[in-house]
Amino acid sequence: MSELDIRVVPYDSPVARELVDAALADLAQRYGGGGDETPVAATEFEPPAGAFLVAYLDEVPVGCAGWRTHDGAGDVAELKRMYVSPVARGRGVARQVLSAVEDSAREYGRRRLILECGDRQPEAIALYQGSGYQRIPDFGYYRNEPGVLSFGRAL
């Protein structure tokens, strides 16, 4: 595999915005609408309250994910905007990005990582379950929607 470099970047940086837009377009194709209407502010991904990471494959941005503090709970982080571009899928990028997010959250004192996704994301579900995440009670913006799946794991 080519060299993968994962860097912390501002959520509102041009590279992050491009990847987040691609992630939302992917979700919109799967679910309709804008993809994910969950309120998200760039400041939520600023250390120490969170972080946003971008994966570069041979200096080309190919994936992203971030974490933010969940509901003011200082030891729980929420995964947001996990995405890998189609050209980089199947190469282990998502697993490495998820691991980097977990490391970052742990570095800032988080002891648990939670996330929500939908049942039309089989690749994501397989990644999370294969990484030790287990179903938890639904939470967040889509908690009462059909097809929502929430996962969590101790860090």
N, C-alpha and C. Protein backbone atom coordinates (compact mmCIF):
# COMPACT_ATOMS: atom_id res chain seq x y z
N MET A 1 0.84 -1.18 0.00
CA MET A 1 0.00 0.00 0.00
C MET A 1 0.88 1.24 0.00
N SER A 2 0.41 2.28 -0.61
CA SER A 2 1.11 3.56 -0.62
C SER A 2 1.12 4.12 0.80
N GLU A 3 1.90 5.16 0.99
CA GLU A 3 2.03 5.72 2.32
C GLU A 3 0.80 6.53 2.71
N LEU A 4 0.25 6.22 3.89
CA LEU A 4 -0.90 6.93 4.42
C LEU A 4 -0.42 7.82 5.55
N ASP A 5 -0.83 9.08 5.49
CA ASP A 5 -0.48 10.06 6.51
C ASP A 5 -1.78 10.66 7.01
N ILE A 6 -1.98 10.63 8.32
CA ILE A 6 -3.21 11.17 8.90
C ILE A 6 -2.84 12.39 9.72
N ARG A 7 -3.49 13.52 9.41
CA ARG A 7 -3.17 14.81 10.04
C ARG A 7 -4.42 15.44 10.65
N VAL A 8 -4.22 16.13 11.75
CA VAL A 8 -5.29 16.94 12.34
C VAL A 8 -5.36 18.24 11.56
N VAL A 9 -6.57 18.60 11.14
CA VAL A 9 -6.79 19.83 10.39
C VAL A 9 -8.04 20.52 10.95
N PRO A 10 -8.18 21.82 10.74
CA PRO A 10 -9.42 22.49 11.14
C PRO A 10 -10.61 21.96 10.35
N TYR A 11 -11.74 21.79 11.03
CA TYR A 11 -12.95 21.28 10.39
C TYR A 11 -13.39 22.18 9.23
N ASP A 12 -13.13 23.46 9.35
CA ASP A 12 -13.57 24.39 8.30
C ASP A 12 -12.47 24.69 7.27
N SER A 13 -11.40 23.91 7.28
CA SER A 13 -10.36 24.08 6.26
C SER A 13 -10.87 23.59 4.91
N PRO A 14 -10.31 24.09 3.81
CA PRO A 14 -10.78 23.67 2.49
C PRO A 14 -10.71 22.16 2.26
N VAL A 15 -9.65 21.51 2.70
CA VAL A 15 -9.54 20.06 2.48
C VAL A 15 -10.60 19.31 3.28
N ALA A 16 -10.85 19.73 4.51
CA ALA A 16 -11.89 19.08 5.32
C ALA A 16 -13.26 19.33 4.71
N ARG A 17 -13.51 20.55 4.28
CA ARG A 17 -14.82 20.87 3.70
C ARG A 17 -15.09 20.01 2.45
N GLU A 18 -14.07 19.83 1.63
CA GLU A 18 -14.23 19.02 0.42
C GLU A 18 -14.59 17.58 0.77
N LEU A 19 -13.91 17.01 1.74
CA LEU A 19 -14.20 15.63 2.14
C LEU A 19 -15.54 15.51 2.84
N VAL A 20 -15.87 16.48 3.70
CA VAL A 20 -17.17 16.45 4.37
C VAL A 20 -18.30 16.58 3.34
N ASP A 21 -18.13 17.44 2.36
CA ASP A 21 -19.14 17.57 1.30
C ASP A 21 -19.31 16.25 0.56
N ALA A 22 -18.20 15.55 0.30
CA ALA A 22 -18.28 14.25 -0.37
C ALA A 22 -18.98 13.23 0.52
N ALA A 23 -18.70 13.28 1.83
CA ALA A 23 -19.36 12.37 2.77
C ALA A 23 -20.87 12.62 2.79
N LEU A 24 -21.26 13.88 2.83
CA LEU A 24 -22.69 14.22 2.86
C LEU A 24 -23.36 13.83 1.55
N ALA A 25 -22.66 13.98 0.43
CA ALA A 25 -23.22 13.56 -0.87
C ALA A 25 -23.43 12.05 -0.90
N ASP A 26 -22.49 11.31 -0.32
CA ASP A 26 -22.63 9.85 -0.25
C ASP A 26 -23.84 9.48 0.60
N LEU A 27 -24.00 10.14 1.74
CA LEU A 27 -25.15 9.86 2.60
C LEU A 27 -26.46 10.28 1.92
N ALA A 28 -26.45 11.38 1.20
CA ALA A 28 -27.64 11.83 0.48
C ALA A 28 -28.05 10.80 -0.57
N GLN A 29 -27.09 10.21 -1.24
CA GLN A 29 -27.39 9.18 -2.23
C GLN A 29 -28.01 7.96 -1.57
N ARG A 30 -27.57 7.62 -0.37
CA ARG A 30 -28.09 6.46 0.34
C ARG A 30 -29.45 6.72 0.99
N TYR A 31 -29.63 7.94 1.52
CA TYR A 31 -30.81 8.23 2.34
C TYR A 31 -31.70 9.34 1.80
N GLY A 32 -31.20 10.13 0.86
CA GLY A 32 -31.96 11.27 0.37
C GLY A 32 -31.68 12.51 1.21
N GLY A 33 -32.33 13.60 0.88
CA GLY A 33 -32.14 14.85 1.60
C GLY A 33 -30.73 15.36 1.50
N GLY A 34 -30.27 16.00 2.58
CA GLY A 34 -28.92 16.55 2.61
C GLY A 34 -27.88 15.57 3.11
N GLY A 35 -28.29 14.35 3.39
CA GLY A 35 -27.35 13.33 3.83
C GLY A 35 -27.31 13.18 5.33
N ASP A 36 -27.05 14.25 6.04
CA ASP A 36 -27.02 14.23 7.50
C ASP A 36 -27.31 15.65 7.98
N GLU A 37 -28.42 15.80 8.63
CA GLU A 37 -28.85 17.12 9.10
C GLU A 37 -28.41 17.42 10.53
N THR A 38 -27.62 16.53 11.12
CA THR A 38 -27.15 16.73 12.49
C THR A 38 -26.42 18.07 12.59
N PRO A 39 -26.80 18.91 13.54
CA PRO A 39 -26.08 20.17 13.72
C PRO A 39 -24.62 19.92 14.09
N VAL A 40 -23.72 20.55 13.36
CA VAL A 40 -22.28 20.41 13.58
C VAL A 40 -21.65 21.79 13.44
N ALA A 41 -20.82 22.15 14.40
CA ALA A 41 -20.09 23.42 14.34
C ALA A 41 -18.60 23.13 14.29
N ALA A 42 -17.88 23.90 13.51
CA ALA A 42 -16.43 23.70 13.37
C ALA A 42 -15.73 23.76 14.73
N THR A 43 -16.20 24.60 15.62
CA THR A 43 -15.55 24.76 16.92
C THR A 43 -15.63 23.49 17.77
N GLU A 44 -16.59 22.61 17.48
CA GLU A 44 -16.72 21.37 18.25
C GLU A 44 -15.53 20.43 18.00
N PHE A 45 -14.80 20.66 16.91
CA PHE A 45 -13.69 19.80 16.54
C PHE A 45 -12.33 20.44 16.83
N GLU A 46 -12.33 21.42 17.72
CA GLU A 46 -11.09 22.06 18.13
C GLU A 46 -10.62 21.46 19.44
N PRO A 47 -9.36 21.04 19.50
CA PRO A 47 -8.84 20.51 20.76
C PRO A 47 -8.96 21.55 21.87
N PRO A 48 -9.24 21.15 23.09
CA PRO A 48 -9.32 19.78 23.57
C PRO A 48 -10.72 19.18 23.51
N ALA A 49 -11.69 19.90 22.96
CA ALA A 49 -13.07 19.42 22.91
C ALA A 49 -13.33 18.44 21.78
N GLY A 50 -12.39 18.35 20.83
CA GLY A 50 -12.56 17.46 19.69
C GLY A 50 -11.38 17.60 18.76
N ALA A 51 -11.46 16.91 17.63
CA ALA A 51 -10.41 17.01 16.61
C ALA A 51 -10.98 16.49 15.30
N PHE A 52 -10.43 16.98 14.21
CA PHE A 52 -10.82 16.50 12.88
C PHE A 52 -9.57 16.06 12.15
N LEU A 53 -9.63 14.86 11.58
CA LEU A 53 -8.46 14.26 10.95
C LEU A 53 -8.71 14.00 9.48
N VAL A 54 -7.68 14.20 8.69
CA VAL A 54 -7.74 13.92 7.26
C VAL A 54 -6.62 12.94 6.91
N ALA A 55 -6.98 11.93 6.14
CA ALA A 55 -6.01 10.93 5.68
C ALA A 55 -5.55 11.29 4.28
N TYR A 56 -4.24 11.27 4.09
CA TYR A 56 -3.63 11.55 2.80
C TYR A 56 -2.93 10.29 2.32
N LEU A 57 -3.22 9.89 1.11
CA LEU A 57 -2.56 8.76 0.48
C LEU A 57 -1.68 9.32 -0.62
N ASP A 58 -0.37 9.22 -0.44
CA ASP A 58 0.57 9.84 -1.37
C ASP A 58 0.24 11.32 -1.58
N GLU A 59 -0.03 12.01 -0.46
CA GLU A 59 -0.31 13.45 -0.42
C GLU A 59 -1.67 13.85 -1.01
N VAL A 60 -2.50 12.89 -1.36
CA VAL A 60 -3.85 13.17 -1.87
C VAL A 60 -4.84 12.90 -0.74
N PRO A 61 -5.69 13.87 -0.37
CA PRO A 61 -6.66 13.64 0.69
C PRO A 61 -7.72 12.61 0.25
N VAL A 62 -7.84 11.53 1.04
CA VAL A 62 -8.74 10.44 0.65
C VAL A 62 -9.73 10.04 1.73
N GLY A 63 -9.63 10.60 2.91
CA GLY A 63 -10.56 10.21 3.97
C GLY A 63 -10.53 11.18 5.12
N CYS A 64 -11.54 11.06 5.96
CA CYS A 64 -11.63 11.95 7.11
C CYS A 64 -12.51 11.37 8.19
N ALA A 65 -12.41 11.92 9.35
CA ALA A 65 -13.30 11.65 10.47
C ALA A 65 -12.93 12.60 11.58
N GLY A 66 -13.88 12.84 12.44
CA GLY A 66 -13.62 13.69 13.59
C GLY A 66 -14.31 13.17 14.82
N TRP A 67 -13.95 13.74 15.93
CA TRP A 67 -14.66 13.45 17.17
C TRP A 67 -14.93 14.76 17.88
N ARG A 68 -16.03 14.76 18.60
CA ARG A 68 -16.40 15.91 19.41
C ARG A 68 -16.90 15.39 20.76
N THR A 69 -16.77 16.20 21.76
CA THR A 69 -17.24 15.82 23.08
C THR A 69 -18.76 15.64 23.01
N HIS A 70 -19.24 14.56 23.59
CA HIS A 70 -20.67 14.25 23.52
C HIS A 70 -21.42 14.87 24.69
N ASP A 71 -22.36 15.74 24.38
CA ASP A 71 -23.27 16.34 25.36
C ASP A 71 -22.57 16.84 26.63
N GLY A 72 -21.41 17.41 26.46
CA GLY A 72 -20.71 17.97 27.60
C GLY A 72 -20.08 16.94 28.53
N ALA A 73 -20.23 15.65 28.20
CA ALA A 73 -19.63 14.60 29.03
C ALA A 73 -18.14 14.55 28.72
N GLY A 74 -17.32 14.92 29.68
CA GLY A 74 -15.90 15.04 29.45
C GLY A 74 -15.18 13.77 29.08
N ASP A 75 -15.80 12.61 29.30
CA ASP A 75 -15.09 11.37 28.99
C ASP A 75 -15.68 10.61 27.81
N VAL A 76 -16.69 11.19 27.13
CA VAL A 76 -17.32 10.52 25.99
C VAL A 76 -17.14 11.37 24.74
N ALA A 77 -16.65 10.72 23.69
CA ALA A 77 -16.47 11.38 22.39
C ALA A 77 -17.45 10.77 21.41
N GLU A 78 -17.90 11.59 20.46
CA GLU A 78 -18.80 11.13 19.40
C GLU A 78 -18.07 11.22 18.07
N LEU A 79 -18.07 10.14 17.33
CA LEU A 79 -17.47 10.10 16.00
C LEU A 79 -18.41 10.77 15.01
N LYS A 80 -17.86 11.64 14.17
CA LYS A 80 -18.65 12.31 13.13
C LYS A 80 -17.87 12.37 11.83
N ARG A 81 -18.60 12.36 10.74
CA ARG A 81 -18.09 12.60 9.38
C ARG A 81 -17.00 11.63 8.94
N MET A 82 -17.19 10.36 9.31
CA MET A 82 -16.27 9.30 8.86
C MET A 82 -16.52 9.07 7.37
N TYR A 83 -15.44 9.15 6.57
CA TYR A 83 -15.59 9.01 5.12
C TYR A 83 -14.27 8.61 4.49
N VAL A 84 -14.36 7.73 3.49
CA VAL A 84 -13.22 7.39 2.65
C VAL A 84 -13.68 7.49 1.20
N SER A 85 -12.90 8.18 0.39
CA SER A 85 -13.27 8.36 -1.02
C SER A 85 -13.25 7.02 -1.74
N PRO A 86 -14.09 6.88 -2.76
CA PRO A 86 -14.16 5.61 -3.49
C PRO A 86 -12.82 5.09 -4.00
N VAL A 87 -11.92 5.98 -4.41
CA VAL A 87 -10.63 5.54 -4.95
C VAL A 87 -9.74 4.87 -3.90
N ALA A 88 -10.02 5.11 -2.63
CA ALA A 88 -9.18 4.56 -1.57
C ALA A 88 -9.86 3.45 -0.78
N ARG A 89 -11.08 3.11 -1.11
CA ARG A 89 -11.80 2.08 -0.36
C ARG A 89 -11.18 0.70 -0.60
N GLY A 90 -11.33 -0.15 0.40
CA GLY A 90 -10.80 -1.50 0.31
C GLY A 90 -9.31 -1.60 0.55
N ARG A 91 -8.71 -0.53 1.06
CA ARG A 91 -7.26 -0.49 1.27
C ARG A 91 -6.89 -0.30 2.74
N GLY A 92 -7.87 -0.42 3.63
CA GLY A 92 -7.59 -0.29 5.05
C GLY A 92 -7.54 1.13 5.57
N VAL A 93 -7.89 2.09 4.72
CA VAL A 93 -7.83 3.50 5.12
C VAL A 93 -8.82 3.77 6.26
N ALA A 94 -10.04 3.30 6.13
CA ALA A 94 -11.06 3.58 7.15
C ALA A 94 -10.64 3.05 8.51
N ARG A 95 -10.10 1.87 8.55
CA ARG A 95 -9.67 1.29 9.83
C ARG A 95 -8.55 2.14 10.46
N GLN A 96 -7.63 2.62 9.64
CA GLN A 96 -6.55 3.46 10.16
C GLN A 96 -7.05 4.83 10.62
N VAL A 97 -8.01 5.38 9.89
CA VAL A 97 -8.59 6.66 10.31
C VAL A 97 -9.34 6.48 11.63
N LEU A 98 -10.13 5.42 11.73
CA LEU A 98 -10.87 5.17 12.97
C LEU A 98 -9.90 5.00 14.14
N SER A 99 -8.83 4.28 13.94
CA SER A 99 -7.84 4.09 14.99
C SER A 99 -7.20 5.42 15.39
N ALA A 100 -6.92 6.27 14.42
CA ALA A 100 -6.34 7.58 14.71
C ALA A 100 -7.32 8.46 15.49
N VAL A 101 -8.59 8.39 15.15
CA VAL A 101 -9.61 9.14 15.90
C VAL A 101 -9.67 8.63 17.34
N GLU A 102 -9.66 7.33 17.51
CA GLU A 102 -9.69 6.75 18.86
C GLU A 102 -8.47 7.22 19.66
N ASP A 103 -7.29 7.18 19.04
CA ASP A 103 -6.07 7.63 19.72
C ASP A 103 -6.17 9.09 20.12
N SER A 104 -6.68 9.93 19.21
CA SER A 104 -6.81 11.35 19.49
C SER A 104 -7.77 11.59 20.65
N ALA A 105 -8.91 10.94 20.62
CA ALA A 105 -9.90 11.10 21.70
C ALA A 105 -9.32 10.63 23.03
N ARG A 106 -8.63 9.52 23.00
CA ARG A 106 -7.99 8.99 24.21
C ARG A 106 -6.94 9.97 24.75
N GLU A 107 -6.19 10.57 23.84
CA GLU A 107 -5.16 11.53 24.23
C GLU A 107 -5.75 12.71 24.99
N TYR A 108 -7.00 13.07 24.68
CA TYR A 108 -7.66 14.19 25.36
C TYR A 108 -8.59 13.72 26.48
N GLY A 109 -8.35 12.51 26.97
CA GLY A 109 -9.04 12.05 28.17
C GLY A 109 -10.38 11.37 27.95
N ARG A 110 -10.73 11.11 26.72
CA ARG A 110 -12.00 10.42 26.49
C ARG A 110 -11.81 8.92 26.73
N ARG A 111 -12.83 8.32 27.33
CA ARG A 111 -12.75 6.90 27.68
C ARG A 111 -13.71 6.04 26.87
N ARG A 112 -14.57 6.70 26.10
CA ARG A 112 -15.57 5.98 25.31
C ARG A 112 -15.81 6.76 24.03
N LEU A 113 -16.03 6.00 22.93
CA LEU A 113 -16.36 6.61 21.64
C LEU A 113 -17.69 6.04 21.19
N ILE A 114 -18.62 6.92 20.83
CA ILE A 114 -19.94 6.50 20.37
C ILE A 114 -20.18 7.07 18.98
N LEU A 115 -21.13 6.48 18.27
CA LEU A 115 -21.45 6.96 16.94
C LEU A 115 -22.84 6.49 16.56
N GLU A 116 -23.41 7.18 15.58
CA GLU A 116 -24.65 6.71 14.99
C GLU A 116 -24.46 6.65 13.49
N CYS A 117 -25.05 5.63 12.89
CA CYS A 117 -25.05 5.51 11.44
C CYS A 117 -26.39 4.90 11.05
N GLY A 118 -26.57 4.66 9.78
CA GLY A 118 -27.83 4.11 9.31
C GLY A 118 -27.65 2.72 8.73
N ASP A 119 -28.77 2.04 8.58
CA ASP A 119 -28.73 0.66 8.12
C ASP A 119 -28.42 0.53 6.62
N ARG A 120 -28.27 1.64 5.92
CA ARG A 120 -27.87 1.61 4.51
C ARG A 120 -26.37 1.85 4.32
N GLN A 121 -25.62 1.62 5.39
CA GLN A 121 -24.17 1.78 5.36
C GLN A 121 -23.51 0.47 5.79
N PRO A 122 -23.66 -0.58 5.01
CA PRO A 122 -23.13 -1.88 5.44
C PRO A 122 -21.62 -1.89 5.63
N GLU A 123 -20.90 -1.10 4.85
CA GLU A 123 -19.44 -1.05 4.99
C GLU A 123 -19.07 -0.46 6.34
N ALA A 124 -19.74 0.60 6.72
CA ALA A 124 -19.47 1.24 8.01
C ALA A 124 -19.83 0.31 9.16
N ILE A 125 -20.97 -0.32 9.06
CA ILE A 125 -21.40 -1.23 10.12
C ILE A 125 -20.38 -2.35 10.30
N ALA A 126 -19.90 -2.91 9.21
CA ALA A 126 -18.91 -3.98 9.28
C ALA A 126 -17.61 -3.46 9.91
N LEU A 127 -17.20 -2.24 9.55
CA LEU A 127 -16.00 -1.65 10.13
C LEU A 127 -16.15 -1.51 11.64
N TYR A 128 -17.26 -0.94 12.07
CA TYR A 128 -17.44 -0.69 13.50
C TYR A 128 -17.53 -2.00 14.27
N GLN A 129 -18.32 -2.93 13.80
CA GLN A 129 -18.44 -4.21 14.50
C GLN A 129 -17.11 -4.96 14.51
N GLY A 130 -16.37 -4.90 13.41
CA GLY A 130 -15.07 -5.55 13.33
C GLY A 130 -14.02 -4.87 14.19
N SER A 131 -14.29 -3.65 14.62
CA SER A 131 -13.36 -2.90 15.46
C SER A 131 -13.77 -2.92 16.93
N GLY A 132 -14.73 -3.77 17.27
CA GLY A 132 -15.11 -3.95 18.66
C GLY A 132 -16.25 -3.09 19.15
N TYR A 133 -16.90 -2.38 18.26
CA TYR A 133 -18.06 -1.56 18.66
C TYR A 133 -19.28 -2.45 18.81
N GLN A 134 -20.10 -2.12 19.80
CA GLN A 134 -21.33 -2.86 20.05
C GLN A 134 -22.51 -1.90 20.04
N ARG A 135 -23.68 -2.45 19.73
CA ARG A 135 -24.88 -1.63 19.72
C ARG A 135 -25.13 -1.04 21.09
N ILE A 136 -25.55 0.23 21.10
CA ILE A 136 -25.92 0.95 22.31
C ILE A 136 -27.28 1.57 22.05
N PRO A 137 -27.94 2.07 23.09
CA PRO A 137 -29.21 2.76 22.86
C PRO A 137 -29.01 3.93 21.90
N ASP A 138 -29.97 4.11 21.00
CA ASP A 138 -29.87 5.19 20.02
C ASP A 138 -29.85 6.54 20.73
N PHE A 139 -29.12 7.47 20.15
CA PHE A 139 -28.95 8.81 20.72
C PHE A 139 -28.87 9.78 19.55
N GLY A 140 -28.77 11.03 19.87
CA GLY A 140 -28.47 12.03 18.85
C GLY A 140 -29.65 12.43 18.00
N TYR A 141 -29.32 13.11 16.95
CA TYR A 141 -30.29 13.75 16.07
C TYR A 141 -31.28 12.76 15.47
N TYR A 142 -30.82 11.57 15.13
CA TYR A 142 -31.67 10.58 14.45
C TYR A 142 -32.16 9.47 15.37
N ARG A 143 -32.07 9.63 16.68
CA ARG A 143 -32.37 8.54 17.60
C ARG A 143 -33.76 7.94 17.44
N ASN A 144 -34.72 8.69 16.96
CA ASN A 144 -36.08 8.15 16.82
C ASN A 144 -36.44 7.79 15.38
N GLU A 145 -35.46 7.79 14.51
CA GLU A 145 -35.71 7.49 13.10
C GLU A 145 -35.55 6.00 12.83
N PRO A 146 -36.38 5.45 11.93
CA PRO A 146 -36.19 4.04 11.57
C PRO A 146 -34.85 3.86 10.85
N GLY A 147 -34.21 2.75 11.11
CA GLY A 147 -32.95 2.43 10.44
C GLY A 147 -31.71 2.99 11.09
N VAL A 148 -31.86 3.78 12.17
CA VAL A 148 -30.67 4.31 12.84
C VAL A 148 -30.04 3.20 13.68
N LEU A 149 -28.73 3.18 13.68
CA LEU A 149 -27.96 2.21 14.47
C LEU A 149 -26.89 2.98 15.24
N SER A 150 -26.86 2.80 16.54
CA SER A 150 -25.86 3.47 17.36
C SER A 150 -24.91 2.43 17.93
N PHE A 151 -23.64 2.80 17.98
CA PHE A 151 -22.59 1.90 18.45
C PHE A 151 -21.69 2.64 19.43
N GLY A 152 -20.98 1.89 20.26
CA GLY A 152 -20.01 2.48 21.14
C GLY A 152 -19.01 1.45 21.59
N ARG A 153 -17.88 1.96 22.11
CA ARG A 153 -16.88 1.07 22.70
C ARG A 153 -16.01 1.87 23.64
N ALA A 154 -15.48 1.16 24.61
CA ALA A 154 -14.54 1.77 25.53
C ALA A 154 -13.22 1.99 24.81
N LEU A 155 -12.57 3.08 25.14
CA LEU A 155 -11.26 3.36 24.58
C LEU A 155 -10.18 2.89 25.54
